[in-house]
Amino acid sequence: MEYIRQFHEIRELLKEADHVDVKVVEGRVTLRKFIASMLSYYPWWIVMLYRIRAVFVRLLGIREEENFGELPRLEEADISLTPGETAIFFTVYKAEENQFWIAETPEERHLRAYFGIFAEDIRDDLKRFHVITIVHYKDWTGPVYFNTIRPFHHIVVSRMAQAGIS
């Protein structure tokens, strides 16, 4: 977490966050390749978890539009660093080439979430990738929703990070 805190772009997002977690992996890929590989990781069990999640959010009265028919395979060139542009359903918040990429999830009634990836040079071409999730609850459904999915969130993000270095 100390490595991430040095970036002023993240400090404001961390203020009064209700949940913050960081996963760390090391690999020999570029930041854009890492992001593309992470966001292209769709094993059957993650697709199933997202379908179950869609039912759960409807039970909470949260309306979302989910489309599991198209799960794109992203390439490095597909990853924008321009604020406001998208990668799958994430919107780029702030980014800097070979340094970091911070994105927002779509606007939701129950919470606001940010997803960031920070690339730390270790030696030669080896990088340490810090993958951060920041969650801010908006109403009572935020903690109910997130605390229910939290165990799955940790597994999914950890496996996605591993896929990022593959």
N, C-alpha and C. Protein backbone atom coordinates (compact mmCIF):
# COMPACT_ATOMS: atom_id res chain seq x y z
N MET A 1 0.82 -1.20 0.00
CA MET A 1 0.00 0.00 0.00
C MET A 1 0.87 1.27 0.00
N GLU A 2 2.03 1.19 0.61
CA GLU A 2 2.91 2.36 0.64
C GLU A 2 3.29 2.81 -0.76
N TYR A 3 3.57 1.87 -1.64
CA TYR A 3 3.93 2.23 -3.01
C TYR A 3 2.79 3.02 -3.66
N ILE A 4 1.56 2.59 -3.46
CA ILE A 4 0.41 3.24 -4.08
C ILE A 4 0.19 4.64 -3.51
N ARG A 5 0.38 4.80 -2.22
CA ARG A 5 0.12 6.09 -1.57
C ARG A 5 1.00 7.23 -2.10
N GLN A 6 2.10 6.91 -2.74
CA GLN A 6 2.97 7.97 -3.26
C GLN A 6 2.34 8.71 -4.44
N PHE A 7 1.33 8.12 -5.06
CA PHE A 7 0.66 8.74 -6.20
C PHE A 7 -0.47 9.65 -5.72
N HIS A 8 -0.32 10.94 -5.97
CA HIS A 8 -1.35 11.87 -5.50
C HIS A 8 -2.71 11.60 -6.16
N GLU A 9 -2.71 10.96 -7.33
CA GLU A 9 -3.95 10.67 -8.04
C GLU A 9 -4.87 9.72 -7.26
N ILE A 10 -4.32 8.96 -6.34
CA ILE A 10 -5.12 7.97 -5.60
C ILE A 10 -5.55 8.48 -4.22
N ARG A 11 -4.83 9.43 -3.69
CA ARG A 11 -5.07 9.88 -2.31
C ARG A 11 -6.49 10.33 -2.05
N GLU A 12 -7.04 11.12 -2.96
CA GLU A 12 -8.42 11.60 -2.78
C GLU A 12 -9.42 10.45 -2.79
N LEU A 13 -9.20 9.45 -3.62
CA LEU A 13 -10.12 8.31 -3.70
C LEU A 13 -10.08 7.47 -2.43
N LEU A 14 -8.94 7.48 -1.75
CA LEU A 14 -8.81 6.69 -0.51
C LEU A 14 -9.49 7.34 0.68
N LYS A 15 -9.71 8.66 0.62
CA LYS A 15 -10.33 9.36 1.75
C LYS A 15 -11.72 8.81 2.01
N GLU A 16 -11.96 8.46 3.24
CA GLU A 16 -13.26 7.97 3.71
C GLU A 16 -13.78 6.76 2.95
N ALA A 17 -12.88 5.98 2.37
CA ALA A 17 -13.29 4.75 1.69
C ALA A 17 -13.82 3.76 2.71
N ASP A 18 -14.84 3.02 2.33
CA ASP A 18 -15.42 2.00 3.21
C ASP A 18 -14.69 0.67 3.09
N HIS A 19 -14.04 0.45 1.97
CA HIS A 19 -13.28 -0.79 1.77
C HIS A 19 -12.13 -0.51 0.82
N VAL A 20 -10.95 -1.00 1.19
CA VAL A 20 -9.78 -0.92 0.33
C VAL A 20 -9.06 -2.24 0.42
N ASP A 21 -8.71 -2.81 -0.72
CA ASP A 21 -7.85 -4.00 -0.68
C ASP A 21 -6.86 -3.92 -1.83
N VAL A 22 -5.71 -4.55 -1.61
CA VAL A 22 -4.64 -4.54 -2.60
C VAL A 22 -4.15 -5.97 -2.80
N LYS A 23 -4.03 -6.36 -4.04
CA LYS A 23 -3.42 -7.64 -4.41
C LYS A 23 -2.13 -7.31 -5.14
N VAL A 24 -1.08 -8.08 -4.92
CA VAL A 24 0.22 -7.81 -5.53
C VAL A 24 0.73 -9.06 -6.23
N VAL A 25 1.16 -8.88 -7.48
CA VAL A 25 1.78 -9.96 -8.26
C VAL A 25 2.98 -9.39 -9.00
N GLU A 26 3.89 -10.26 -9.38
CA GLU A 26 5.07 -9.84 -10.13
C GLU A 26 5.12 -10.56 -11.46
N GLY A 27 5.54 -9.83 -12.48
CA GLY A 27 5.63 -10.45 -13.80
C GLY A 27 6.42 -9.59 -14.77
N ARG A 28 6.62 -10.14 -15.93
CA ARG A 28 7.42 -9.48 -16.97
C ARG A 28 6.53 -9.09 -18.15
N VAL A 29 5.58 -8.23 -17.89
CA VAL A 29 4.69 -7.70 -18.92
C VAL A 29 4.58 -6.19 -18.74
N THR A 30 4.09 -5.52 -19.76
CA THR A 30 3.86 -4.08 -19.64
C THR A 30 2.57 -3.83 -18.86
N LEU A 31 2.39 -2.60 -18.42
CA LEU A 31 1.16 -2.25 -17.72
C LEU A 31 -0.06 -2.50 -18.60
N ARG A 32 -0.01 -2.06 -19.84
CA ARG A 32 -1.17 -2.26 -20.73
C ARG A 32 -1.44 -3.74 -20.98
N LYS A 33 -0.40 -4.53 -21.15
CA LYS A 33 -0.58 -5.97 -21.35
C LYS A 33 -1.20 -6.60 -20.10
N PHE A 34 -0.74 -6.18 -18.93
CA PHE A 34 -1.29 -6.69 -17.68
C PHE A 34 -2.78 -6.40 -17.58
N ILE A 35 -3.15 -5.15 -17.86
CA ILE A 35 -4.56 -4.76 -17.78
C ILE A 35 -5.38 -5.55 -18.80
N ALA A 36 -4.90 -5.63 -20.03
CA ALA A 36 -5.64 -6.35 -21.08
C ALA A 36 -5.83 -7.81 -20.70
N SER A 37 -4.81 -8.45 -20.19
CA SER A 37 -4.92 -9.86 -19.81
C SER A 37 -5.85 -10.04 -18.62
N MET A 38 -5.76 -9.14 -17.64
CA MET A 38 -6.66 -9.20 -16.48
C MET A 38 -8.12 -9.11 -16.90
N LEU A 39 -8.40 -8.11 -17.73
CA LEU A 39 -9.79 -7.84 -18.11
C LEU A 39 -10.31 -8.82 -19.16
N SER A 40 -9.45 -9.70 -19.66
CA SER A 40 -9.87 -10.72 -20.62
C SER A 40 -9.99 -12.09 -19.98
N TYR A 41 -9.91 -12.15 -18.66
CA TYR A 41 -9.95 -13.43 -17.94
C TYR A 41 -11.40 -13.77 -17.62
N TYR A 42 -11.95 -14.76 -18.35
CA TYR A 42 -13.36 -15.14 -18.20
C TYR A 42 -13.55 -16.65 -18.07
N PRO A 43 -12.99 -17.30 -17.08
CA PRO A 43 -13.28 -18.72 -16.97
C PRO A 43 -14.76 -18.92 -16.65
N TRP A 44 -15.25 -20.12 -16.87
CA TRP A 44 -16.67 -20.39 -16.69
C TRP A 44 -17.16 -20.02 -15.30
N TRP A 45 -16.33 -20.25 -14.28
CA TRP A 45 -16.79 -20.01 -12.91
C TRP A 45 -16.95 -18.52 -12.61
N ILE A 46 -16.17 -17.65 -13.25
CA ILE A 46 -16.37 -16.22 -13.06
C ILE A 46 -17.64 -15.76 -13.78
N VAL A 47 -17.87 -16.28 -14.97
CA VAL A 47 -19.11 -15.95 -15.69
C VAL A 47 -20.32 -16.38 -14.85
N MET A 48 -20.22 -17.55 -14.23
CA MET A 48 -21.31 -18.04 -13.37
C MET A 48 -21.51 -17.13 -12.16
N LEU A 49 -20.42 -16.71 -11.52
CA LEU A 49 -20.52 -15.79 -10.37
C LEU A 49 -21.19 -14.47 -10.77
N TYR A 50 -20.85 -13.96 -11.94
CA TYR A 50 -21.49 -12.72 -12.39
C TYR A 50 -22.98 -12.91 -12.67
N ARG A 51 -23.35 -14.06 -13.14
CA ARG A 51 -24.78 -14.33 -13.36
C ARG A 51 -25.53 -14.43 -12.03
N ILE A 52 -24.92 -15.07 -11.05
CA ILE A 52 -25.53 -15.14 -9.71
C ILE A 52 -25.61 -13.75 -9.11
N ARG A 53 -24.55 -12.97 -9.29
CA ARG A 53 -24.53 -11.59 -8.81
C ARG A 53 -25.69 -10.78 -9.40
N ALA A 54 -25.96 -10.97 -10.68
CA ALA A 54 -27.04 -10.23 -11.34
C ALA A 54 -28.38 -10.50 -10.67
N VAL A 55 -28.62 -11.75 -10.26
CA VAL A 55 -29.86 -12.09 -9.54
C VAL A 55 -29.87 -11.42 -8.17
N PHE A 56 -28.73 -11.47 -7.48
CA PHE A 56 -28.63 -10.89 -6.14
C PHE A 56 -28.90 -9.38 -6.16
N VAL A 57 -28.33 -8.66 -7.12
CA VAL A 57 -28.54 -7.21 -7.14
C VAL A 57 -30.01 -6.87 -7.45
N ARG A 58 -30.65 -7.70 -8.26
CA ARG A 58 -32.08 -7.47 -8.51
C ARG A 58 -32.88 -7.66 -7.24
N LEU A 59 -32.50 -8.65 -6.41
CA LEU A 59 -33.20 -8.86 -5.14
C LEU A 59 -33.04 -7.67 -4.20
N LEU A 60 -31.91 -6.98 -4.30
CA LEU A 60 -31.68 -5.78 -3.49
C LEU A 60 -32.35 -4.54 -4.09
N GLY A 61 -32.96 -4.70 -5.26
CA GLY A 61 -33.60 -3.57 -5.91
C GLY A 61 -32.64 -2.70 -6.69
N ILE A 62 -31.48 -3.23 -6.99
CA ILE A 62 -30.48 -2.50 -7.76
C ILE A 62 -30.63 -2.92 -9.21
N ARG A 63 -30.88 -1.97 -10.07
CA ARG A 63 -31.07 -2.29 -11.48
C ARG A 63 -29.76 -2.12 -12.23
N GLU A 64 -29.37 -3.15 -12.92
CA GLU A 64 -28.15 -3.12 -13.71
C GLU A 64 -28.41 -3.83 -15.03
N GLU A 65 -27.71 -3.38 -16.03
CA GLU A 65 -27.80 -4.02 -17.33
C GLU A 65 -26.55 -4.87 -17.52
N GLU A 66 -26.71 -6.17 -17.54
CA GLU A 66 -25.59 -7.09 -17.70
C GLU A 66 -25.69 -7.75 -19.06
N ASN A 67 -24.55 -7.92 -19.73
CA ASN A 67 -24.52 -8.62 -21.00
C ASN A 67 -23.35 -9.60 -20.97
N PHE A 68 -23.67 -10.86 -20.81
CA PHE A 68 -22.63 -11.87 -20.77
C PHE A 68 -22.45 -12.57 -22.11
N GLY A 69 -23.13 -12.05 -23.13
CA GLY A 69 -23.00 -12.65 -24.44
C GLY A 69 -21.68 -12.29 -25.11
N GLU A 70 -21.21 -11.08 -24.87
CA GLU A 70 -19.96 -10.62 -25.49
C GLU A 70 -18.91 -10.38 -24.41
N LEU A 71 -17.90 -11.21 -24.40
CA LEU A 71 -16.80 -11.06 -23.46
C LEU A 71 -15.53 -10.89 -24.28
N PRO A 72 -15.16 -9.64 -24.55
CA PRO A 72 -14.05 -9.39 -25.47
C PRO A 72 -12.69 -9.81 -24.92
N ARG A 73 -11.83 -10.17 -25.82
CA ARG A 73 -10.42 -10.45 -25.51
C ARG A 73 -9.66 -9.19 -25.87
N LEU A 74 -9.16 -8.51 -24.88
CA LEU A 74 -8.48 -7.25 -25.11
C LEU A 74 -7.00 -7.45 -25.42
N GLU A 75 -6.48 -6.54 -26.20
CA GLU A 75 -5.05 -6.47 -26.52
C GLU A 75 -4.51 -5.20 -25.90
N GLU A 76 -3.19 -5.10 -25.84
CA GLU A 76 -2.57 -3.90 -25.27
C GLU A 76 -3.11 -2.63 -25.91
N ALA A 77 -3.27 -2.64 -27.21
CA ALA A 77 -3.73 -1.45 -27.95
C ALA A 77 -5.15 -1.04 -27.57
N ASP A 78 -5.92 -1.96 -26.99
CA ASP A 78 -7.30 -1.67 -26.59
C ASP A 78 -7.38 -0.90 -25.27
N ILE A 79 -6.28 -0.83 -24.54
CA ILE A 79 -6.29 -0.19 -23.22
C ILE A 79 -5.96 1.29 -23.37
N SER A 80 -6.97 2.11 -23.15
CA SER A 80 -6.81 3.55 -23.25
C SER A 80 -6.29 4.12 -21.92
N LEU A 81 -5.52 5.18 -22.02
CA LEU A 81 -5.06 5.91 -20.85
C LEU A 81 -5.75 7.28 -20.78
N THR A 82 -6.73 7.48 -21.62
CA THR A 82 -7.43 8.76 -21.71
C THR A 82 -8.64 8.77 -20.78
N PRO A 83 -8.66 9.71 -19.81
CA PRO A 83 -9.83 9.79 -18.91
C PRO A 83 -11.13 9.91 -19.70
N GLY A 84 -12.13 9.14 -19.25
CA GLY A 84 -13.44 9.14 -19.89
C GLY A 84 -13.63 8.03 -20.91
N GLU A 85 -12.54 7.48 -21.43
CA GLU A 85 -12.67 6.36 -22.35
C GLU A 85 -12.85 5.07 -21.55
N THR A 86 -13.30 4.00 -22.23
CA THR A 86 -13.65 2.78 -21.52
C THR A 86 -12.80 1.58 -21.93
N ALA A 87 -12.79 0.62 -21.01
CA ALA A 87 -12.24 -0.72 -21.25
C ALA A 87 -13.27 -1.67 -20.65
N ILE A 88 -13.97 -2.36 -21.48
CA ILE A 88 -15.12 -3.20 -21.12
C ILE A 88 -16.13 -2.29 -20.42
N PHE A 89 -16.38 -2.44 -19.11
CA PHE A 89 -17.33 -1.56 -18.44
C PHE A 89 -16.66 -0.56 -17.51
N PHE A 90 -15.34 -0.56 -17.46
CA PHE A 90 -14.60 0.42 -16.66
C PHE A 90 -14.39 1.70 -17.45
N THR A 91 -14.45 2.84 -16.78
CA THR A 91 -14.16 4.13 -17.38
C THR A 91 -12.86 4.65 -16.80
N VAL A 92 -11.94 5.01 -17.66
CA VAL A 92 -10.64 5.50 -17.20
C VAL A 92 -10.85 6.79 -16.40
N TYR A 93 -10.32 6.80 -15.19
CA TYR A 93 -10.37 7.96 -14.31
C TYR A 93 -9.10 8.78 -14.48
N LYS A 94 -7.95 8.15 -14.28
CA LYS A 94 -6.65 8.77 -14.50
C LYS A 94 -5.66 7.67 -14.84
N ALA A 95 -4.68 8.01 -15.65
CA ALA A 95 -3.68 7.01 -16.03
C ALA A 95 -2.41 7.69 -16.49
N GLU A 96 -1.32 6.96 -16.39
CA GLU A 96 -0.03 7.42 -16.89
C GLU A 96 0.73 6.21 -17.43
N GLU A 97 1.21 6.35 -18.65
CA GLU A 97 1.90 5.26 -19.33
C GLU A 97 2.97 4.62 -18.43
N ASN A 98 2.93 3.29 -18.35
CA ASN A 98 3.90 2.49 -17.59
C ASN A 98 3.94 2.77 -16.10
N GLN A 99 3.01 3.58 -15.58
CA GLN A 99 2.98 3.91 -14.16
C GLN A 99 1.73 3.39 -13.46
N PHE A 100 0.56 3.86 -13.92
CA PHE A 100 -0.68 3.47 -13.26
C PHE A 100 -1.87 3.64 -14.19
N TRP A 101 -2.96 2.97 -13.82
CA TRP A 101 -4.24 3.04 -14.53
C TRP A 101 -5.31 2.94 -13.47
N ILE A 102 -6.12 3.98 -13.33
CA ILE A 102 -7.22 3.99 -12.35
C ILE A 102 -8.51 4.13 -13.14
N ALA A 103 -9.47 3.27 -12.84
CA ALA A 103 -10.74 3.30 -13.55
C ALA A 103 -11.89 3.26 -12.55
N GLU A 104 -13.04 3.73 -12.99
CA GLU A 104 -14.27 3.70 -12.20
C GLU A 104 -15.19 2.64 -12.75
N THR A 105 -15.99 2.06 -11.86
CA THR A 105 -17.06 1.18 -12.31
C THR A 105 -18.23 2.08 -12.73
N PRO A 106 -19.19 1.53 -13.47
CA PRO A 106 -20.34 2.35 -13.86
C PRO A 106 -21.05 2.93 -12.63
N GLU A 107 -21.68 4.06 -12.82
CA GLU A 107 -22.44 4.72 -11.75
C GLU A 107 -23.50 3.75 -11.23
N GLU A 108 -23.51 3.56 -9.92
CA GLU A 108 -24.47 2.66 -9.30
C GLU A 108 -25.10 3.36 -8.10
N ARG A 109 -26.31 2.95 -7.77
CA ARG A 109 -27.03 3.56 -6.67
C ARG A 109 -26.43 3.18 -5.32
N HIS A 110 -25.90 1.96 -5.21
CA HIS A 110 -25.51 1.44 -3.90
C HIS A 110 -24.06 1.72 -3.52
N LEU A 111 -23.18 1.91 -4.50
CA LEU A 111 -21.79 2.19 -4.17
C LEU A 111 -21.07 2.82 -5.35
N ARG A 112 -19.93 3.39 -5.05
CA ARG A 112 -19.01 3.89 -6.08
C ARG A 112 -17.72 3.12 -5.87
N ALA A 113 -17.17 2.56 -6.94
CA ALA A 113 -15.95 1.75 -6.83
C ALA A 113 -14.92 2.18 -7.85
N TYR A 114 -13.67 2.08 -7.43
CA TYR A 114 -12.53 2.37 -8.29
C TYR A 114 -11.62 1.15 -8.30
N PHE A 115 -10.99 0.96 -9.42
CA PHE A 115 -10.11 -0.18 -9.63
C PHE A 115 -8.82 0.39 -10.20
N GLY A 116 -7.71 0.15 -9.53
CA GLY A 116 -6.46 0.71 -10.00
C GLY A 116 -5.35 -0.33 -10.10
N ILE A 117 -4.44 -0.07 -11.01
CA ILE A 117 -3.28 -0.94 -11.19
C ILE A 117 -2.05 -0.04 -11.26
N PHE A 118 -1.08 -0.34 -10.42
CA PHE A 118 0.15 0.44 -10.34
C PHE A 118 1.32 -0.49 -10.64
N ALA A 119 2.18 -0.06 -11.56
CA ALA A 119 3.32 -0.89 -11.99
C ALA A 119 4.59 -0.35 -11.35
N GLU A 120 5.21 -1.16 -10.53
CA GLU A 120 6.45 -0.80 -9.85
C GLU A 120 7.61 -1.57 -10.50
N ASP A 121 8.61 -0.84 -10.99
CA ASP A 121 9.77 -1.49 -11.57
C ASP A 121 10.60 -2.12 -10.45
N ILE A 122 10.93 -3.40 -10.61
CA ILE A 122 11.72 -4.11 -9.62
C ILE A 122 13.17 -4.21 -10.08
N ARG A 123 13.37 -4.85 -11.20
CA ARG A 123 14.71 -4.95 -11.81
C ARG A 123 14.53 -5.45 -13.24
N ASP A 124 15.48 -5.08 -14.08
CA ASP A 124 15.41 -5.46 -15.49
C ASP A 124 14.00 -5.21 -16.01
N ASP A 125 13.33 -6.23 -16.50
CA ASP A 125 11.97 -6.06 -17.00
C ASP A 125 10.91 -6.59 -16.01
N LEU A 126 11.31 -6.93 -14.80
CA LEU A 126 10.37 -7.44 -13.79
C LEU A 126 9.63 -6.28 -13.14
N LYS A 127 8.30 -6.43 -13.08
CA LYS A 127 7.46 -5.41 -12.46
C LYS A 127 6.63 -6.04 -11.34
N ARG A 128 6.34 -5.23 -10.36
CA ARG A 128 5.40 -5.61 -9.30
C ARG A 128 4.13 -4.81 -9.58
N PHE A 129 3.02 -5.53 -9.76
CA PHE A 129 1.74 -4.90 -10.03
C PHE A 129 0.90 -4.88 -8.75
N HIS A 130 0.49 -3.68 -8.37
CA HIS A 130 -0.37 -3.48 -7.20
C HIS A 130 -1.77 -3.23 -7.74
N VAL A 131 -2.70 -4.12 -7.42
CA VAL A 131 -4.07 -4.02 -7.91
C VAL A 131 -4.94 -3.60 -6.73
N ILE A 132 -5.52 -2.41 -6.81
CA ILE A 132 -6.29 -1.87 -5.69
C ILE A 132 -7.76 -1.75 -6.04
N THR A 133 -8.60 -2.07 -5.07
CA THR A 133 -10.04 -1.86 -5.16
C THR A 133 -10.42 -0.90 -4.05
N ILE A 134 -11.16 0.15 -4.41
CA ILE A 134 -11.61 1.15 -3.44
C ILE A 134 -13.12 1.24 -3.57
N VAL A 135 -13.82 1.10 -2.45
CA VAL A 135 -15.28 1.11 -2.45
C VAL A 135 -15.79 2.17 -1.48
N HIS A 136 -16.76 2.95 -1.95
CA HIS A 136 -17.47 3.93 -1.12
C HIS A 136 -18.95 3.57 -1.16
N TYR A 137 -19.55 3.31 -0.01
CA TYR A 137 -20.97 2.98 0.05
C TYR A 137 -21.80 4.26 -0.11
N LYS A 138 -22.95 4.11 -0.79
CA LYS A 138 -23.84 5.25 -0.98
C LYS A 138 -25.09 5.17 -0.11
N ASP A 139 -25.60 3.97 0.08
CA ASP A 139 -26.79 3.80 0.93
C ASP A 139 -26.71 2.43 1.60
N TRP A 140 -27.77 2.01 2.26
CA TRP A 140 -27.75 0.78 3.05
C TRP A 140 -27.46 -0.46 2.21
N THR A 141 -27.79 -0.42 0.93
CA THR A 141 -27.56 -1.60 0.10
C THR A 141 -26.07 -1.79 -0.22
N GLY A 142 -25.28 -0.73 -0.11
CA GLY A 142 -23.84 -0.83 -0.39
C GLY A 142 -23.13 -1.86 0.48
N PRO A 143 -23.19 -1.71 1.82
CA PRO A 143 -22.52 -2.71 2.66
C PRO A 143 -23.16 -4.10 2.60
N VAL A 144 -24.48 -4.15 2.42
CA VAL A 144 -25.14 -5.46 2.31
C VAL A 144 -24.62 -6.17 1.06
N TYR A 145 -24.61 -5.46 -0.05
CA TYR A 145 -24.12 -6.02 -1.30
C TYR A 145 -22.66 -6.42 -1.20
N PHE A 146 -21.80 -5.45 -0.83
CA PHE A 146 -20.37 -5.71 -0.90
C PHE A 146 -19.91 -6.76 0.11
N ASN A 147 -20.46 -6.75 1.32
CA ASN A 147 -20.04 -7.74 2.30
C ASN A 147 -20.49 -9.15 1.92
N THR A 148 -21.56 -9.24 1.13
CA THR A 148 -21.99 -10.55 0.63
C THR A 148 -21.05 -11.07 -0.45
N ILE A 149 -20.63 -10.18 -1.33
CA ILE A 149 -19.76 -10.63 -2.43
C ILE A 149 -18.27 -10.59 -2.08
N ARG A 150 -17.92 -9.99 -0.94
CA ARG A 150 -16.50 -9.77 -0.60
C ARG A 150 -15.63 -11.03 -0.72
N PRO A 151 -16.03 -12.19 -0.18
CA PRO A 151 -15.15 -13.37 -0.33
C PRO A 151 -14.89 -13.72 -1.79
N PHE A 152 -15.91 -13.57 -2.63
CA PHE A 152 -15.76 -13.87 -4.05
C PHE A 152 -14.90 -12.81 -4.73
N HIS A 153 -15.08 -11.57 -4.31
CA HIS A 153 -14.29 -10.46 -4.85
C HIS A 153 -12.79 -10.76 -4.69
N HIS A 154 -12.39 -11.18 -3.51
CA HIS A 154 -10.97 -11.46 -3.26
C HIS A 154 -10.45 -12.58 -4.18
N ILE A 155 -11.23 -13.61 -4.34
CA ILE A 155 -10.83 -14.72 -5.20
C ILE A 155 -10.75 -14.27 -6.66
N VAL A 156 -11.79 -13.57 -7.11
CA VAL A 156 -11.84 -13.14 -8.52
C VAL A 156 -10.69 -12.19 -8.84
N VAL A 157 -10.47 -11.19 -8.01
CA VAL A 157 -9.41 -10.22 -8.30
C VAL A 157 -8.04 -10.88 -8.22
N SER A 158 -7.84 -11.77 -7.28
CA SER A 158 -6.56 -12.48 -7.19
C SER A 158 -6.31 -13.30 -8.44
N ARG A 159 -7.31 -14.02 -8.90
CA ARG A 159 -7.14 -14.85 -10.12
C ARG A 159 -6.98 -13.98 -11.36
N MET A 160 -7.68 -12.85 -11.41
CA MET A 160 -7.51 -11.93 -12.53
C MET A 160 -6.09 -11.37 -12.55
N ALA A 161 -5.56 -11.03 -11.39
CA ALA A 161 -4.18 -10.52 -11.31
C ALA A 161 -3.18 -11.57 -11.77
N GLN A 162 -3.40 -12.81 -11.40
CA GLN A 162 -2.53 -13.89 -11.88
C GLN A 162 -2.61 -14.02 -13.40
N ALA A 163 -3.82 -13.87 -13.93
CA ALA A 163 -3.99 -13.94 -15.39
C ALA A 163 -3.28 -12.77 -16.06
N GLY A 164 -3.16 -11.66 -15.37
CA GLY A 164 -2.51 -10.48 -15.92
C GLY A 164 -1.04 -10.69 -16.23
N ILE A 165 -0.39 -11.56 -15.49
CA ILE A 165 1.04 -11.80 -15.71
C ILE A 165 1.31 -13.02 -16.56
N SER A 166 0.26 -13.69 -16.98
CA SER A 166 0.41 -14.92 -17.80
C SER A 166 0.69 -14.60 -19.24
